Amino acid sequence: QLQLEESGGGLVQPGGSLRLSCVASGFTLSSYAIGWFRQAPGKGRGGVSCIDTNGGGNYFDSVKGRFTIARDNAKNIVSLQMNSLKPEDTGVYYCAAETRGKGCRTFWVPDEYGYWGQGTQVTVSS
């Protein structure tokens, strides 16, 4: 059974940090580009970041310089380090595996991804 599971969400004050993890079971993450998406209340899923199979990171403009995506192939994990968090970063964060062979070229398009986790809630509030 192919599964992705996110963890690491929580409540944090503005300016704080969180580290999200995406763990795979049933398949090898290193074979896929992996994206992170955010869904704010009442909105659709928006692309946040993506890491390609060579380890190259891609970021939506609003998180550049604050978020860092990385792979640990030995542990089959992709992480998202989030620093200098803002209230507008609040939402449910999902990781997903890109399955159309396009890597991160259009990482903000949810339809490019075939496997999704259940999400982890991130709330940035004072």
PDB file of N, CA and C in Angstrom:
ATOM      1  N   GLN A   1       0.848  -1.180   0.000  1.00  0.00           N
ATOM      2  CA  GLN A   1       0.000   0.000   0.000  1.00  0.00           C
ATOM      3  C   GLN A   1       0.889   1.236   0.000  1.00  0.00           C
ATOM      4  N   LEU A   2       0.621   2.165  -0.934  1.00  0.00           N
ATOM      5  CA  LEU A   2       1.423   3.370  -1.057  1.00  0.00           C
ATOM      6  C   LEU A   2       0.814   4.460  -0.191  1.00  0.00           C
ATOM      7  N   GLN A   3       1.626   4.994   0.720  1.00  0.00           N
ATOM      8  CA  GLN A   3       1.121   6.009   1.621  1.00  0.00           C
ATOM      9  C   GLN A   3       2.141   7.096   1.859  1.00  0.00           C
ATOM     10  N   LEU A   4       1.637   8.304   2.100  1.00  0.00           N
ATOM     11  CA  LEU A   4       2.439   9.422   2.574  1.00  0.00           C
ATOM     12  C   LEU A   4       1.825   9.908   3.874  1.00  0.00           C
ATOM     13  N   GLU A   5       2.673  10.271   4.806  1.00  0.00           N
ATOM     14  CA  GLU A   5       2.180  10.768   6.086  1.00  0.00           C
ATOM     15  C   GLU A   5       2.976  11.992   6.500  1.00  0.00           C
ATOM     16  N   GLU A   6       2.268  13.076   6.791  1.00  0.00           N
ATOM     17  CA  GLU A   6       2.896  14.304   7.256  1.00  0.00           C
ATOM     18  C   GLU A   6       2.872  14.370   8.781  1.00  0.00           C
ATOM     19  N   SER A   7       3.839  15.055   9.330  1.00  0.00           N
ATOM     20  CA  SER A   7       3.874  15.312  10.768  1.00  0.00           C
ATOM     21  C   SER A   7       4.635  16.604  11.009  1.00  0.00           C
ATOM     22  N   GLY A   8       4.521  17.109  12.244  1.00  0.00           N
ATOM     23  CA  GLY A   8       5.295  18.287  12.623  1.00  0.00           C
ATOM     24  C   GLY A   8       4.509  19.573  12.709  1.00  0.00           C
ATOM     25  N   GLY A   9       3.225  19.528  12.375  1.00  0.00           N
ATOM     26  CA  GLY A   9       2.430  20.735  12.474  1.00  0.00           C
ATOM     27  C   GLY A   9       2.154  21.122  13.908  1.00  0.00           C
ATOM     28  N   GLY A  10       1.543  22.302  14.078  1.00  0.00           N
ATOM     29  CA  GLY A  10       1.217  22.747  15.414  1.00  0.00           C
ATOM     30  C   GLY A  10       0.887  24.218  15.431  1.00  0.00           C
ATOM     31  N   LEU A  11       0.801  24.752  16.648  1.00  0.00           N
ATOM     32  CA  LEU A  11       0.524  26.166  16.859  1.00  0.00           C
ATOM     33  C   LEU A  11       1.837  26.884  17.179  1.00  0.00           C
ATOM     34  N   VAL A  12       2.101  27.968  16.482  1.00  0.00           N
ATOM     35  CA  VAL A  12       3.332  28.703  16.694  1.00  0.00           C
ATOM     36  C   VAL A  12       3.047  30.199  16.590  1.00  0.00           C
ATOM     37  N   GLN A  13       3.807  30.990  17.304  1.00  0.00           N
ATOM     38  CA  GLN A  13       3.637  32.435  17.241  1.00  0.00           C
ATOM     39  C   GLN A  13       4.286  32.996  15.969  1.00  0.00           C
ATOM     40  N   PRO A  14       3.820  34.147  15.509  1.00  0.00           N
ATOM     41  CA  PRO A  14       4.483  34.787  14.358  1.00  0.00           C
ATOM     42  C   PRO A  14       5.975  34.961  14.623  1.00  0.00           C
ATOM     43  N   GLY A  15       6.760  34.667  13.603  1.00  0.00           N
ATOM     44  CA  GLY A  15       8.208  34.713  13.742  1.00  0.00           C
ATOM     45  C   GLY A  15       8.830  33.404  14.167  1.00  0.00           C
ATOM     46  N   GLY A  16       8.007  32.448  14.551  1.00  0.00           N
ATOM     47  CA  GLY A  16       8.504  31.154  15.004  1.00  0.00           C
ATOM     48  C   GLY A  16       8.818  30.212  13.861  1.00  0.00           C
ATOM     49  N   SER A  17       9.187  28.985  14.238  1.00  0.00           N
ATOM     50  CA  SER A  17       9.599  27.978  13.258  1.00  0.00           C
ATOM     51  C   SER A  17       8.901  26.654  13.517  1.00  0.00           C
ATOM     52  N   LEU A  18       8.742  25.904  12.448  1.00  0.00           N
ATOM     53  CA  LEU A  18       8.267  24.523  12.510  1.00  0.00           C
ATOM     54  C   LEU A  18       8.987  23.723  11.435  1.00  0.00           C
ATOM     55  N   ARG A  19       9.100  22.435  11.693  1.00  0.00           N
ATOM     56  CA  ARG A  19       9.696  21.536  10.707  1.00  0.00           C
ATOM     57  C   ARG A  19       8.700  20.437  10.405  1.00  0.00           C
ATOM     58  N   LEU A  20       8.250  20.387   9.185  1.00  0.00           N
ATOM     59  CA  LEU A  20       7.318  19.350   8.752  1.00  0.00           C
ATOM     60  C   LEU A  20       8.084  18.200   8.119  1.00  0.00           C
ATOM     61  N   SER A  21       7.577  16.999   8.323  1.00  0.00           N
ATOM     62  CA  SER A  21       8.172  15.811   7.711  1.00  0.00           C
ATOM     63  C   SER A  21       7.128  15.068   6.896  1.00  0.00           C
ATOM     64  N   CYS A  22       7.576  14.473   5.822  1.00  0.00           N
ATOM     65  CA  CYS A  22       6.724  13.653   4.955  1.00  0.00           C
ATOM     66  C   CYS A  22       7.412  12.302   4.820  1.00  0.00           C
ATOM     67  N   VAL A  23       6.761  11.280   5.354  1.00  0.00           N
ATOM     68  CA  VAL A  23       7.321   9.936   5.346  1.00  0.00           C
ATOM     69  C   VAL A  23       6.528   9.066   4.380  1.00  0.00           C
ATOM     70  N   ALA A  24       7.246   8.276   3.594  1.00  0.00           N
ATOM     71  CA  ALA A  24       6.590   7.400   2.637  1.00  0.00           C
ATOM     72  C   ALA A  24       6.652   5.955   3.105  1.00  0.00           C
ATOM     73  N   SER A  25       5.607   5.208   2.774  1.00  0.00           N
ATOM     74  CA  SER A  25       5.625   3.763   2.981  1.00  0.00           C
ATOM     75  C   SER A  25       5.099   3.107   1.712  1.00  0.00           C
ATOM     76  N   GLY A  26       5.710   2.014   1.347  1.00  0.00           N
ATOM     77  CA  GLY A  26       5.271   1.302   0.155  1.00  0.00           C
ATOM     78  C   GLY A  26       5.923   1.751  -1.128  1.00  0.00           C
ATOM     79  N   PHE A  27       6.695   2.840  -1.082  1.00  0.00           N
ATOM     80  CA  PHE A  27       7.426   3.278  -2.270  1.00  0.00           C
ATOM     81  C   PHE A  27       8.602   4.147  -1.829  1.00  0.00           C
ATOM     82  N   THR A  28       9.504   4.414  -2.779  1.00  0.00           N
ATOM     83  CA  THR A  28      10.722   5.150  -2.476  1.00  0.00           C
ATOM     84  C   THR A  28      10.571   6.599  -2.901  1.00  0.00           C
ATOM     85  N   LEU A  29      10.665   7.503  -1.938  1.00  0.00           N
ATOM     86  CA  LEU A  29      10.480   8.928  -2.224  1.00  0.00           C
ATOM     87  C   LEU A  29      11.512   9.469  -3.194  1.00  0.00           C
ATOM     88  N   SER A  30      12.717   8.911  -3.155  1.00  0.00           N
ATOM     89  CA  SER A  30      13.786   9.457  -3.986  1.00  0.00           C
ATOM     90  C   SER A  30      13.495   9.331  -5.480  1.00  0.00           C
ATOM     91  N   SER A  31      12.543   8.502  -5.848  1.00  0.00           N
ATOM     92  CA  SER A  31      12.196   8.315  -7.262  1.00  0.00           C
ATOM     93  C   SER A  31      11.201   9.348  -7.775  1.00  0.00           C
ATOM     94  N   TYR A  32      10.707  10.209  -6.880  1.00  0.00           N
ATOM     95  CA  TYR A  32       9.668  11.163  -7.234  1.00  0.00           C
ATOM     96  C   TYR A  32      10.064  12.587  -6.848  1.00  0.00           C
ATOM     97  N   ALA A  33       9.574  13.536  -7.638  1.00  0.00           N
ATOM     98  CA  ALA A  33       9.558  14.914  -7.149  1.00  0.00           C
ATOM     99  C   ALA A  33       8.466  14.990  -6.085  1.00  0.00           C
ATOM    100  N   ILE A  34       8.752  15.657  -4.995  1.00  0.00           N
ATOM    101  CA  ILE A  34       7.818  15.756  -3.872  1.00  0.00           C
ATOM    102  C   ILE A  34       7.456  17.210  -3.646  1.00  0.00           C
ATOM    103  N   GLY A  35       6.169  17.461  -3.587  1.00  0.00           N
ATOM    104  CA  GLY A  35       5.697  18.813  -3.369  1.00  0.00           C
ATOM    105  C   GLY A  35       5.030  18.976  -2.021  1.00  0.00           C
ATOM    106  N   TRP A  36       5.052  20.197  -1.531  1.00  0.00           N
ATOM    107  CA  TRP A  36       4.286  20.586  -0.346  1.00  0.00           C
ATOM    108  C   TRP A  36       3.233  21.601  -0.780  1.00  0.00           C
ATOM    109  N   PHE A  37       2.023  21.396  -0.297  1.00  0.00           N
ATOM    110  CA  PHE A  37       0.909  22.281  -0.585  1.00  0.00           C
ATOM    111  C   PHE A  37       0.325  22.796   0.717  1.00  0.00           C
ATOM    112  N   ARG A  38      -0.314  23.933   0.635  1.00  0.00           N
ATOM    113  CA  ARG A  38      -0.980  24.531   1.780  1.00  0.00           C
ATOM    114  C   ARG A  38      -2.425  24.828   1.395  1.00  0.00           C
ATOM    115  N   GLN A  39      -3.325  24.488   2.306  1.00  0.00           N
ATOM    116  CA  GLN A  39      -4.737  24.816   2.095  1.00  0.00           C
ATOM    117  C   GLN A  39      -5.223  25.653   3.260  1.00  0.00           C
ATOM    118  N   ALA A  40      -5.435  26.932   3.009  1.00  0.00           N
ATOM    119  CA  ALA A  40      -5.958  27.835   4.026  1.00  0.00           C
ATOM    120  C   ALA A  40      -7.464  27.633   4.129  1.00  0.00           C
ATOM    121  N   PRO A  41      -8.043  28.010   5.256  1.00  0.00           N
ATOM    122  CA  PRO A  41      -9.491  27.854   5.437  1.00  0.00           C
ATOM    123  C   PRO A  41     -10.279  28.524   4.307  1.00  0.00           C
ATOM    124  N   GLY A  42     -11.178  27.762   3.682  1.00  0.00           N
ATOM    125  CA  GLY A  42     -12.021  28.300   2.626  1.00  0.00           C
ATOM    126  C   GLY A  42     -11.351  28.470   1.279  1.00  0.00           C
ATOM    127  N   LYS A  43     -10.129  27.975   1.131  1.00  0.00           N
ATOM    128  CA  LYS A  43      -9.387  28.136  -0.130  1.00  0.00           C
ATOM    129  C   LYS A  43      -8.944  26.790  -0.666  1.00  0.00           C
ATOM    130  N   GLY A  44      -8.499  26.780  -1.902  1.00  0.00           N
ATOM    131  CA  GLY A  44      -7.976  25.565  -2.497  1.00  0.00           C
ATOM    132  C   GLY A  44      -6.537  25.322  -2.103  1.00  0.00           C
ATOM    133  N   ARG A  45      -5.999  24.196  -2.532  1.00  0.00           N
ATOM    134  CA  ARG A  45      -4.609  23.855  -2.225  1.00  0.00           C
ATOM    135  C   ARG A  45      -3.673  24.641  -3.126  1.00  0.00           C
ATOM    136  N   GLY A  46      -2.701  25.315  -2.512  1.00  0.00           N
ATOM    137  CA  GLY A  46      -1.709  26.077  -3.253  1.00  0.00           C
ATOM    138  C   GLY A  46      -0.326  25.507  -3.073  1.00  0.00           C
ATOM    139  N   GLY A  47       0.447  25.479  -4.142  1.00  0.00           N
ATOM    140  CA  GLY A  47       1.799  24.954  -4.061  1.00  0.00           C
ATOM    141  C   GLY A  47       2.699  25.845  -3.217  1.00  0.00           C
ATOM    142  N   VAL A  48       3.499  25.239  -2.365  1.00  0.00           N
ATOM    143  CA  VAL A  48       4.430  25.955  -1.494  1.00  0.00           C
ATOM    144  C   VAL A  48       5.865  25.701  -1.923  1.00  0.00           C
ATOM    145  N   SER A  49       6.187  24.435  -2.122  1.00  0.00           N
ATOM    146  CA  SER A  49       7.565  24.080  -2.444  1.00  0.00           C
ATOM    147  C   SER A  49       7.586  22.712  -3.102  1.00  0.00           C
ATOM    148  N   CYS A  50       8.701  22.432  -3.781  1.00  0.00           N
ATOM    149  CA  CYS A  50       8.864  21.138  -4.431  1.00  0.00           C
ATOM    150  C   CYS A  50      10.349  20.823  -4.500  1.00  0.00           C
ATOM    151  N   ILE A  51      10.681  19.550  -4.326  1.00  0.00           N
ATOM    152  CA  ILE A  51      12.068  19.121  -4.474  1.00  0.00           C
ATOM    153  C   ILE A  51      12.120  18.062  -5.560  1.00  0.00           C
ATOM    154  N   ASP A  52      13.045  18.237  -6.496  1.00  0.00           N
ATOM    155  CA  ASP A  52      13.122  17.284  -7.590  1.00  0.00           C
ATOM    156  C   ASP A  52      13.979  16.080  -7.183  1.00  0.00           C
ATOM    157  N   THR A  53      14.101  15.120  -8.076  1.00  0.00           N
ATOM    158  CA  THR A  53      14.800  13.877  -7.730  1.00  0.00           C
ATOM    159  C   THR A  53      16.299  14.095  -7.527  1.00  0.00           C
ATOM    160  N   ASN A  54      16.822  15.217  -8.025  1.00  0.00           N
ATOM    161  CA  ASN A  54      18.235  15.529  -7.818  1.00  0.00           C
ATOM    162  C   ASN A  54      18.484  16.368  -6.575  1.00  0.00           C
ATOM    163  N   GLY A  55      17.415  16.680  -5.861  1.00  0.00           N
ATOM    164  CA  GLY A  55      17.558  17.442  -4.628  1.00  0.00           C
ATOM    165  C   GLY A  55      17.407  18.944  -4.792  1.00  0.00           C
ATOM    166  N   GLY A  56      17.068  19.401  -5.992  1.00  0.00           N
ATOM    167  CA  GLY A  56      16.897  20.824  -6.214  1.00  0.00           C
ATOM    168  C   GLY A  56      15.561  21.319  -5.670  1.00  0.00           C
ATOM    169  N   GLY A  57      15.607  22.429  -4.931  1.00  0.00           N
ATOM    170  CA  GLY A  57      14.395  22.960  -4.320  1.00  0.00           C
ATOM    171  C   GLY A  57      13.767  24.072  -5.149  1.00  0.00           C
ATOM    172  N   ASN A  58      12.444  24.133  -5.111  1.00  0.00           N
ATOM    173  CA  ASN A  58      11.674  25.174  -5.779  1.00  0.00           C
ATOM    174  C   ASN A  58      10.687  25.733  -4.771  1.00  0.00           C
ATOM    175  N   TYR A  59      10.428  27.045  -4.839  1.00  0.00           N
ATOM    176  CA  TYR A  59       9.614  27.682  -3.820  1.00  0.00           C
ATOM    177  C   TYR A  59       8.658  28.695  -4.426  1.00  0.00           C
ATOM    178  N   PHE A  60       7.462  28.758  -3.853  1.00  0.00           N
ATOM    179  CA  PHE A  60       6.548  29.815  -4.201  1.00  0.00           C
ATOM    180  C   PHE A  60       7.137  31.108  -3.660  1.00  0.00           C
ATOM    181  N   ASP A  61       6.876  32.221  -4.361  1.00  0.00           N
ATOM    182  CA  ASP A  61       7.528  33.483  -4.009  1.00  0.00           C
ATOM    183  C   ASP A  61       7.317  33.883  -2.547  1.00  0.00           C
ATOM    184  N   SER A  62       6.128  33.622  -2.027  1.00  0.00           N
ATOM    185  CA  SER A  62       5.812  34.105  -0.677  1.00  0.00           C
ATOM    186  C   SER A  62       6.614  33.406   0.418  1.00  0.00           C
ATOM    187  N   VAL A  63       7.266  32.280   0.104  1.00  0.00           N
ATOM    188  CA  VAL A  63       8.012  31.544   1.136  1.00  0.00           C
ATOM    189  C   VAL A  63       9.514  31.524   0.860  1.00  0.00           C
ATOM    190  N   LYS A  64       9.942  32.095  -0.253  1.00  0.00           N
ATOM    191  CA  LYS A  64      11.370  32.105  -0.577  1.00  0.00           C
ATOM    192  C   LYS A  64      12.163  32.808   0.514  1.00  0.00           C
ATOM    193  N   GLY A  65      13.273  32.206   0.910  1.00  0.00           N
ATOM    194  CA  GLY A  65      14.111  32.774   1.957  1.00  0.00           C
ATOM    195  C   GLY A  65      13.667  32.420   3.359  1.00  0.00           C
ATOM    196  N   ARG A  66      12.465  31.843   3.492  1.00  0.00           N
ATOM    197  CA  ARG A  66      11.959  31.461   4.816  1.00  0.00           C
ATOM    198  C   ARG A  66      11.813  29.947   4.958  1.00  0.00           C
ATOM    199  N   PHE A  67      11.458  29.274   3.887  1.00  0.00           N
ATOM    200  CA  PHE A  67      11.242  27.826   3.912  1.00  0.00           C
ATOM    201  C   PHE A  67      12.376  27.125   3.184  1.00  0.00           C
ATOM    202  N   THR A  68      12.718  25.928   3.682  1.00  0.00           N
ATOM    203  CA  THR A  68      13.741  25.110   3.028  1.00  0.00           C
ATOM    204  C   THR A  68      13.251  23.681   2.939  1.00  0.00           C
ATOM    205  N   ILE A  69      13.275  23.133   1.742  1.00  0.00           N
ATOM    206  CA  ILE A  69      12.867  21.754   1.522  1.00  0.00           C
ATOM    207  C   ILE A  69      14.114  20.896   1.357  1.00  0.00           C
ATOM    208  N   ALA A  70      14.050  19.677   1.883  1.00  0.00           N
ATOM    209  CA  ALA A  70      15.226  18.803   1.818  1.00  0.00           C
ATOM    210  C   ALA A  70      14.791  17.343   1.807  1.00  0.00           C
ATOM    211  N   ARG A  71      15.693  16.511   1.298  1.00  0.00           N
ATOM    212  CA  ARG A  71      15.453  15.060   1.294  1.00  0.00           C
ATOM    213  C   ARG A  71      16.432  14.347   2.216  1.00  0.00           C
ATOM    214  N   ASP A  72      15.950  13.270   2.813  1.00  0.00           N
ATOM    215  CA  ASP A  72      16.835  12.315   3.485  1.00  0.00           C
ATOM    216  C   ASP A  72      16.478  10.961   2.885  1.00  0.00           C
ATOM    217  N   ASN A  73      17.182  10.602   1.832  1.00  0.00           N
ATOM    218  CA  ASN A  73      16.816   9.381   1.098  1.00  0.00           C
ATOM    219  C   ASN A  73      17.004   8.126   1.949  1.00  0.00           C
ATOM    220  N   ALA A  74      17.962   8.143   2.843  1.00  0.00           N
ATOM    221  CA  ALA A  74      18.193   6.973   3.688  1.00  0.00           C
ATOM    222  C   ALA A  74      16.991   6.690   4.584  1.00  0.00           C
ATOM    223  N   LYS A  75      16.305   7.759   4.999  1.00  0.00           N
ATOM    224  CA  LYS A  75      15.139   7.605   5.880  1.00  0.00           C
ATOM    225  C   LYS A  75      13.822   7.677   5.113  1.00  0.00           C
ATOM    226  N   ASN A  76      13.913   7.906   3.795  1.00  0.00           N
ATOM    227  CA  ASN A  76      12.714   8.004   2.961  1.00  0.00           C
ATOM    228  C   ASN A  76      11.797   9.143   3.422  1.00  0.00           C
ATOM    229  N   ILE A  77      12.418  10.285   3.727  1.00  0.00           N
ATOM    230  CA  ILE A  77      11.700  11.440   4.267  1.00  0.00           C
ATOM    231  C   ILE A  77      12.023  12.679   3.450  1.00  0.00           C
ATOM    232  N   VAL A  78      11.007  13.521   3.268  1.00  0.00           N
ATOM    233  CA  VAL A  78      11.210  14.877   2.761  1.00  0.00           C
ATOM    234  C   VAL A  78      10.741  15.837   3.858  1.00  0.00           C
ATOM    235  N   SER A  79      11.548  16.820   4.164  1.00  0.00           N
ATOM    236  CA  SER A  79      11.208  17.764   5.222  1.00  0.00           C
ATOM    237  C   SER A  79      10.998  19.159   4.645  1.00  0.00           C
ATOM    238  N   LEU A  80      10.256  19.963   5.412  1.00  0.00           N
ATOM    239  CA  LEU A  80      10.052  21.366   5.062  1.00  0.00           C
ATOM    240  C   LEU A  80      10.313  22.175   6.328  1.00  0.00           C
ATOM    241  N   GLN A  81      11.447  22.854   6.362  1.00  0.00           N
ATOM    242  CA  GLN A  81      11.793  23.726   7.487  1.00  0.00           C
ATOM    243  C   GLN A  81      11.176  25.084   7.224  1.00  0.00           C
ATOM    244  N   MET A  82      10.345  25.536   8.155  1.00  0.00           N
ATOM    245  CA  MET A  82       9.627  26.797   7.984  1.00  0.00           C
ATOM    246  C   MET A  82      10.061  27.764   9.080  1.00  0.00           C
ATOM    247  N   ASN A  83      10.692  28.832   8.686  1.00  0.00           N
ATOM    248  CA  ASN A  83      11.159  29.863   9.609  1.00  0.00           C
ATOM    249  C   ASN A  83      10.424  31.169   9.374  1.00  0.00           C
ATOM    250  N   SER A  84      10.525  32.065  10.335  1.00  0.00           N
ATOM    251  CA  SER A  84       9.894  33.395  10.227  1.00  0.00           C
ATOM    252  C   SER A  84       8.443  33.269   9.801  1.00  0.00           C
ATOM    253  N   LEU A  85       7.721  32.408  10.467  1.00  0.00           N
ATOM    254  CA  LEU A  85       6.345  32.128  10.076  1.00  0.00           C
ATOM    255  C   LEU A  85       5.449  33.344  10.272  1.00  0.00           C
ATOM    256  N   LYS A  86       4.469  33.454   9.369  1.00  0.00           N
ATOM    257  CA  LYS A  86       3.526  34.563   9.374  1.00  0.00           C
ATOM    258  C   LYS A  86       2.101  34.018   9.506  1.00  0.00           C
ATOM    259  N   PRO A  87       1.176  34.809   9.984  1.00  0.00           N
ATOM    260  CA  PRO A  87      -0.215  34.334  10.081  1.00  0.00           C
ATOM    261  C   PRO A  87      -0.758  33.811   8.757  1.00  0.00           C
ATOM    262  N   GLU A  88      -0.326  34.374   7.659  1.00  0.00           N
ATOM    263  CA  GLU A  88      -0.821  33.920   6.353  1.00  0.00           C
ATOM    264  C   GLU A  88      -0.250  32.562   5.939  1.00  0.00           C
ATOM    265  N   ASP A  89       0.680  32.024   6.716  1.00  0.00           N
ATOM    266  CA  ASP A  89       1.169  30.664   6.464  1.00  0.00           C
ATOM    267  C   ASP A  89       0.247  29.606   7.062  1.00  0.00           C
ATOM    268  N   THR A  90      -0.764  30.050   7.788  1.00  0.00           N
ATOM    269  CA  THR A  90      -1.696  29.122   8.426  1.00  0.00           C
ATOM    270  C   THR A  90      -2.450  28.287   7.402  1.00  0.00           C
ATOM    271  N   GLY A  91      -2.596  27.003   7.711  1.00  0.00           N
ATOM    272  CA  GLY A  91      -3.350  26.114   6.842  1.00  0.00           C
ATOM    273  C   GLY A  91      -2.995  24.670   7.099  1.00  0.00           C
ATOM    274  N   VAL A  92      -3.640  23.798   6.358  1.00  0.00           N
ATOM    275  CA  VAL A  92      -3.285  22.386   6.384  1.00  0.00           C
ATOM    276  C   VAL A  92      -2.226  22.162   5.312  1.00  0.00           C
ATOM    277  N   TYR A  93      -1.128  21.548   5.721  1.00  0.00           N
ATOM    278  CA  TYR A  93      -0.015  21.297   4.808  1.00  0.00           C
ATOM    279  C   TYR A  93      -0.031  19.839   4.379  1.00  0.00           C
ATOM    280  N   TYR A  94       0.059  19.648   3.074  1.00  0.00           N
ATOM    281  CA  TYR A  94       0.051  18.313   2.486  1.00  0.00           C
ATOM    282  C   TYR A  94       1.352  18.080   1.708  1.00  0.00           C
ATOM    283  N   CYS A  95       1.862  16.868   1.790  1.00  0.00           N
ATOM    284  CA  CYS A  95       2.926  16.492   0.876  1.00  0.00           C
ATOM    285  C   CYS A  95       2.336  15.560  -0.187  1.00  0.00           C
ATOM    286  N   ALA A  96       2.975  15.567  -1.352  1.00  0.00           N
ATOM    287  CA  ALA A  96       2.445  14.796  -2.467  1.00  0.00           C
ATOM    288  C   ALA A  96       3.584  14.380  -3.387  1.00  0.00           C
ATOM    289  N   ALA A  97       3.407  13.245  -4.044  1.00  0.00           N
ATOM    290  CA  ALA A  97       4.388  12.731  -4.996  1.00  0.00           C
ATOM    291  C   ALA A  97       3.927  13.022  -6.419  1.00  0.00           C
ATOM    292  N   GLU A  98       4.806  13.642  -7.199  1.00  0.00           N
ATOM    293  CA  GLU A  98       4.493  13.990  -8.586  1.00  0.00           C
ATOM    294  C   GLU A  98       4.591  12.739  -9.450  1.00  0.00           C
ATOM    295  N   THR A  99       3.523  12.445 -10.181  1.00  0.00           N
ATOM    296  CA  THR A  99       3.455  11.166 -10.903  1.00  0.00           C
ATOM    297  C   THR A  99       3.289  11.302 -12.410  1.00  0.00           C
ATOM    298  N   ARG A 100       3.436  12.498 -12.956  1.00  0.00           N
ATOM    299  CA  ARG A 100       3.292  12.689 -14.398  1.00  0.00           C
ATOM    300  C   ARG A 100       4.623  12.858 -15.095  1.00  0.00           C
ATOM    301  N   GLY A 101       5.701  12.678 -14.350  1.00  0.00           N
ATOM    302  CA  GLY A 101       7.020  12.742 -14.963  1.00  0.00           C
ATOM    303  C   GLY A 101       7.514  14.134 -15.289  1.00  0.00           C
ATOM    304  N   LYS A 102       6.896  15.163 -14.727  1.00  0.00           N
ATOM    305  CA  LYS A 102       7.292  16.544 -15.024  1.00  0.00           C
ATOM    306  C   LYS A 102       8.211  17.131 -13.956  1.00  0.00           C
ATOM    307  N   GLY A 103       8.505  16.354 -12.924  1.00  0.00           N
ATOM    308  CA  GLY A 103       9.343  16.894 -11.862  1.00  0.00           C
ATOM    309  C   GLY A 103       8.664  18.072 -11.197  1.00  0.00           C
ATOM    310  N   CYS A 104       9.432  19.137 -10.962  1.00  0.00           N
ATOM    311  CA  CYS A 104       8.893  20.320 -10.295  1.00  0.00           C
ATOM    312  C   CYS A 104       8.572  21.456 -11.273  1.00  0.00           C
ATOM    313  N   ARG A 105       8.534  21.162 -12.548  1.00  0.00           N
ATOM    314  CA  ARG A 105       8.372  22.240 -13.535  1.00  0.00           C
ATOM    315  C   ARG A 105       7.084  23.035 -13.352  1.00  0.00           C
ATOM    316  N   THR A 106       6.013  22.334 -12.962  1.00  0.00           N
ATOM    317  CA  THR A 106       4.748  23.032 -12.676  1.00  0.00           C
ATOM    318  C   THR A 106       4.281  22.586 -11.296  1.00  0.00           C
ATOM    319  N   PHE A 107       5.124  22.799 -10.302  1.00  0.00           N
ATOM    320  CA  PHE A 107       4.905  22.202  -8.980  1.00  0.00           C
ATOM    321  C   PHE A 107       3.676  22.730  -8.275  1.00  0.00           C
ATOM    322  N   TRP A 108       3.133  23.851  -8.725  1.00  0.00           N
ATOM    323  CA  TRP A 108       1.991  24.464  -8.061  1.00  0.00           C
ATOM    324  C   TRP A 108       0.661  23.875  -8.536  1.00  0.00           C
ATOM    325  N   VAL A 109       0.720  22.920  -9.472  1.00  0.00           N
ATOM    326  CA  VAL A 109      -0.509  22.342 -10.033  1.00  0.00           C
ATOM    327  C   VAL A 109      -0.841  21.035  -9.316  1.00  0.00           C
ATOM    328  N   PRO A 110      -1.893  20.997  -8.504  1.00  0.00           N
ATOM    329  CA  PRO A 110      -2.212  19.776  -7.747  1.00  0.00           C
ATOM    330  C   PRO A 110      -2.415  18.546  -8.624  1.00  0.00           C
ATOM    331  N   ASP A 111      -2.940  18.719  -9.838  1.00  0.00           N
ATOM    332  CA  ASP A 111      -3.233  17.573 -10.693  1.00  0.00           C
ATOM    333  C   ASP A 111      -1.985  16.818 -11.126  1.00  0.00           C
ATOM    334  N   GLU A 112      -0.807  17.420 -10.944  1.00  0.00           N
ATOM    335  CA  GLU A 112       0.435  16.741 -11.327  1.00  0.00           C
ATOM    336  C   GLU A 112       0.802  15.630 -10.345  1.00  0.00           C
ATOM    337  N   TYR A 113       0.130  15.582  -9.212  1.00  0.00           N
ATOM    338  CA  TYR A 113       0.521  14.699  -8.119  1.00  0.00           C
ATOM    339  C   TYR A 113      -0.489  13.571  -7.948  1.00  0.00           C
ATOM    340  N   GLY A 114       0.037  12.350  -7.841  1.00  0.00           N
ATOM    341  CA  GLY A 114      -0.851  11.204  -7.761  1.00  0.00           C
ATOM    342  C   GLY A 114      -1.019  10.623  -6.375  1.00  0.00           C
ATOM    343  N   TYR A 115      -0.070  10.902  -5.495  1.00  0.00           N
ATOM    344  CA  TYR A 115      -0.144  10.381  -4.122  1.00  0.00           C
ATOM    345  C   TYR A 115      -0.108  11.553  -3.158  1.00  0.00           C
ATOM    346  N   TRP A 116      -1.014  11.506  -2.192  1.00  0.00           N
ATOM    347  CA  TRP A 116      -1.153  12.586  -1.224  1.00  0.00           C
ATOM    348  C   TRP A 116      -1.203  12.037   0.193  1.00  0.00           C
ATOM    349  N   GLY A 117      -0.669  12.822   1.125  1.00  0.00           N
ATOM    350  CA  GLY A 117      -0.860  12.507   2.526  1.00  0.00           C
ATOM    351  C   GLY A 117      -2.162  13.099   3.030  1.00  0.00           C
ATOM    352  N   GLN A 118      -2.419  12.903   4.319  1.00  0.00           N
ATOM    353  CA  GLN A 118      -3.669  13.364   4.931  1.00  0.00           C
ATOM    354  C   GLN A 118      -3.585  14.805   5.428  1.00  0.00           C
ATOM    355  N   GLY A 119      -2.386  15.329   5.519  1.00  0.00           N
ATOM    356  CA  GLY A 119      -2.214  16.718   5.929  1.00  0.00           C
ATOM    357  C   GLY A 119      -1.894  16.891   7.397  1.00  0.00           C
ATOM    358  N   THR A 120      -1.242  18.002   7.705  1.00  0.00           N
ATOM    359  CA  THR A 120      -0.947  18.372   9.088  1.00  0.00           C
ATOM    360  C   THR A 120      -1.259  19.856   9.248  1.00  0.00           C
ATOM    361  N   GLN A 121      -1.899  20.206  10.354  1.00  0.00           N
ATOM    362  CA  GLN A 121      -2.357  21.577  10.567  1.00  0.00           C
ATOM    363  C   GLN A 121      -1.217  22.448  11.096  1.00  0.00           C
ATOM    364  N   VAL A 122      -1.048  23.606  10.474  1.00  0.00           N
ATOM    365  CA  VAL A 122      -0.120  24.625  10.950  1.00  0.00           C
ATOM    366  C   VAL A 122      -0.923  25.890  11.231  1.00  0.00           C
ATOM    367  N   THR A 123      -0.804  26.376  12.457  1.00  0.00           N
ATOM    368  CA  THR A 123      -1.501  27.599  12.842  1.00  0.00           C
ATOM    369  C   THR A 123      -0.486  28.600  13.364  1.00  0.00           C
ATOM    370  N   VAL A 124      -0.448  29.759  12.728  1.00  0.00           N
ATOM    371  CA  VAL A 124       0.477  30.816  13.156  1.00  0.00           C
ATOM    372  C   VAL A 124      -0.367  31.945  13.735  1.00  0.00           C
ATOM    373  N   SER A 125      -0.280  32.107  15.032  1.00  0.00           N
ATOM    374  CA  SER A 125      -1.129  33.075  15.711  1.00  0.00           C
ATOM    375  C   SER A 125      -0.501  33.463  17.041  1.00  0.00           C
ATOM    376  N   SER A 126      -0.743  34.704  17.430  1.00  0.00           N
ATOM    377  CA  SER A 126      -0.281  35.157  18.741  1.00  0.00           C
ATOM    378  C   SER A 126      -1.392  34.997  19.767  1.00  0.00           C
TER     379      SER A 126
END
